[in-house]
Amino acid sequence: MGDTIFGKIIRREIPADIVYEDDDVLAFRDLNPQAPVHLLFVPKKPIATLDGATPADAELLGKVLLAAAAYARREGLADQGYRTVINCNEYGGQTVFHLHLHLLAGRQMHWPPG
């Protein structure tokens, strides 16, 4: 599962506030939230970056997206809206090299994001 902090969370070696889990995806609250709701949806299979994903990962990436959308609907976030972000590599703002999707909600988002 990779030797990143996310791999350690998936293996339960370090604690996290887990809000969603299935066979392929784990989601937990971000420790440095940028919005009232800031979750990270992580595939359990270690993929370092979106750029490193292959066609074989398409189904798994779809599961990550769908898990985030289902969570947003279930928690009443979808009606007002939410933002999803996948950072890729240094200039994209990625700091943990285990692909993850940020779900941000609970406030008005602005564009451009930064």
Protein backbone atom coordinates (compact mmCIF):
# COMPACT_ATOMS: atom_id res chain seq x y z
CA MET A 1 0.00 0.00 0.00
CA GLY A 2 2.98 2.28 -0.25
CA ASP A 3 5.14 3.80 2.45
CA THR A 4 3.47 7.21 2.53
CA ILE A 5 1.42 8.62 5.36
CA PHE A 6 -1.68 7.54 3.41
CA GLY A 7 -0.40 3.97 3.16
CA LYS A 8 0.10 4.01 6.92
CA ILE A 9 -3.46 5.29 7.44
CA ILE A 10 -4.84 2.59 5.14
CA ARG A 11 -2.91 -0.06 7.13
CA ARG A 12 -4.15 1.55 10.41
CA GLU A 13 -0.56 2.19 11.53
CA ILE A 14 -1.47 5.80 12.33
CA PRO A 15 -4.88 7.19 13.29
CA ALA A 16 -7.19 9.20 11.08
CA ASP A 17 -10.79 10.37 11.26
CA ILE A 18 -12.11 7.90 8.70
CA VAL A 19 -15.48 8.81 7.19
CA TYR A 20 -15.79 6.26 4.38
CA GLU A 21 -14.31 2.91 3.42
CA ASP A 22 -14.96 0.16 0.92
CA ASP A 23 -12.73 -2.50 -0.63
CA ASP A 24 -10.93 0.00 -2.87
CA VAL A 25 -11.24 3.48 -1.34
CA LEU A 26 -10.66 5.10 2.04
CA ALA A 27 -11.70 8.65 2.97
CA PHE A 28 -10.71 10.69 6.00
CA ARG A 29 -10.70 14.27 7.24
CA ASP A 30 -7.74 16.44 6.21
CA LEU A 31 -5.57 17.47 9.17
CA ASN A 32 -5.09 20.94 7.63
CA PRO A 33 -8.60 21.77 6.38
CA GLN A 34 -9.02 24.50 3.78
CA ALA A 35 -12.83 24.52 4.11
CA PRO A 36 -15.36 23.55 6.80
CA VAL A 37 -15.52 20.13 5.12
CA HIS A 38 -12.19 18.92 3.73
CA LEU A 39 -11.85 15.21 3.09
CA LEU A 40 -9.28 13.11 1.27
CA PHE A 41 -10.47 10.16 -0.84
CA VAL A 42 -7.59 7.74 -1.38
CA PRO A 43 -7.42 4.60 -3.49
CA LYS A 44 -6.07 1.74 -1.40
CA LYS A 45 -3.85 0.74 -4.32
CA PRO A 46 -0.79 2.99 -4.22
CA ILE A 47 -0.59 5.19 -7.31
CA ALA A 48 1.94 7.97 -6.75
CA THR A 49 0.42 10.62 -9.03
CA LEU A 50 -2.41 11.07 -11.48
CA ASP A 51 0.26 11.23 -14.16
CA GLY A 52 1.41 7.78 -13.06
CA ALA A 53 -2.04 6.22 -13.47
CA THR A 54 -2.52 3.82 -16.37
CA PRO A 55 -5.56 2.66 -18.34
CA ALA A 56 -5.65 -0.32 -15.98
CA ASP A 57 -6.41 2.14 -13.15
CA ALA A 58 -9.46 3.66 -14.88
CA GLU A 59 -12.03 1.67 -12.91
CA LEU A 60 -10.33 2.44 -9.60
CA LEU A 61 -10.12 6.16 -10.40
CA GLY A 62 -13.82 6.10 -11.24
CA LYS A 63 -14.53 4.47 -7.88
CA VAL A 64 -12.67 7.27 -6.10
CA LEU A 65 -14.72 9.93 -7.91
CA LEU A 66 -18.01 8.13 -7.34
CA ALA A 67 -17.25 7.57 -3.65
CA ALA A 68 -16.65 11.30 -3.19
CA ALA A 69 -19.87 12.22 -5.02
CA ALA A 70 -21.91 9.67 -3.04
CA TYR A 71 -20.49 10.97 0.22
CA ALA A 72 -21.34 14.56 -0.76
CA ARG A 73 -24.93 13.59 -1.58
CA ARG A 74 -25.34 11.50 1.57
CA GLU A 75 -24.03 14.32 3.80
CA GLY A 76 -26.19 17.01 2.17
CA LEU A 77 -23.29 18.81 0.51
CA ALA A 78 -24.30 18.30 -3.10
CA ASP A 79 -27.18 20.78 -3.26
CA GLN A 80 -25.05 23.81 -2.41
CA GLY A 81 -22.04 22.34 -4.17
CA TYR A 82 -18.54 21.18 -3.47
CA ARG A 83 -15.12 21.18 -5.09
CA THR A 84 -12.96 18.18 -5.92
CA VAL A 85 -9.24 18.57 -6.58
CA ILE A 86 -6.44 16.19 -7.54
CA ASN A 87 -3.01 17.79 -7.28
CA CYS A 88 -0.24 16.31 -9.42
CA ASN A 89 3.48 16.66 -8.72
CA GLU A 90 5.36 19.62 -7.24
CA TYR A 91 3.97 22.51 -9.29
CA GLY A 92 0.47 21.07 -8.97
CA GLY A 93 0.76 21.28 -5.19
CA GLN A 94 1.01 17.55 -4.44
CA THR A 95 2.80 16.92 -1.13
CA VAL A 96 1.91 13.27 -0.46
CA PHE A 97 2.82 11.00 -3.35
CA HIS A 98 -0.15 8.67 -3.08
CA LEU A 99 -2.89 9.87 -5.43
CA HIS A 100 -5.79 11.45 -3.53
CA LEU A 101 -8.86 13.51 -4.22
CA HIS A 102 -9.70 16.51 -2.02
CA LEU A 103 -13.39 17.12 -1.40
CA LEU A 104 -13.98 20.65 -0.12
CA ALA A 105 -17.38 21.99 0.91
CA GLY A 106 -19.22 24.14 3.39
CA ARG A 107 -18.24 27.54 1.98
CA GLN A 108 -18.28 29.47 -1.29
CA MET A 109 -15.32 28.48 -3.44
CA HIS A 110 -13.55 31.05 -5.60
CA TRP A 111 -11.81 30.94 -8.97
CA PRO A 112 -9.00 30.86 -9.74
CA PRO A 113 -8.12 28.62 -6.81
CA GLY A 114 -4.53 29.74 -6.43
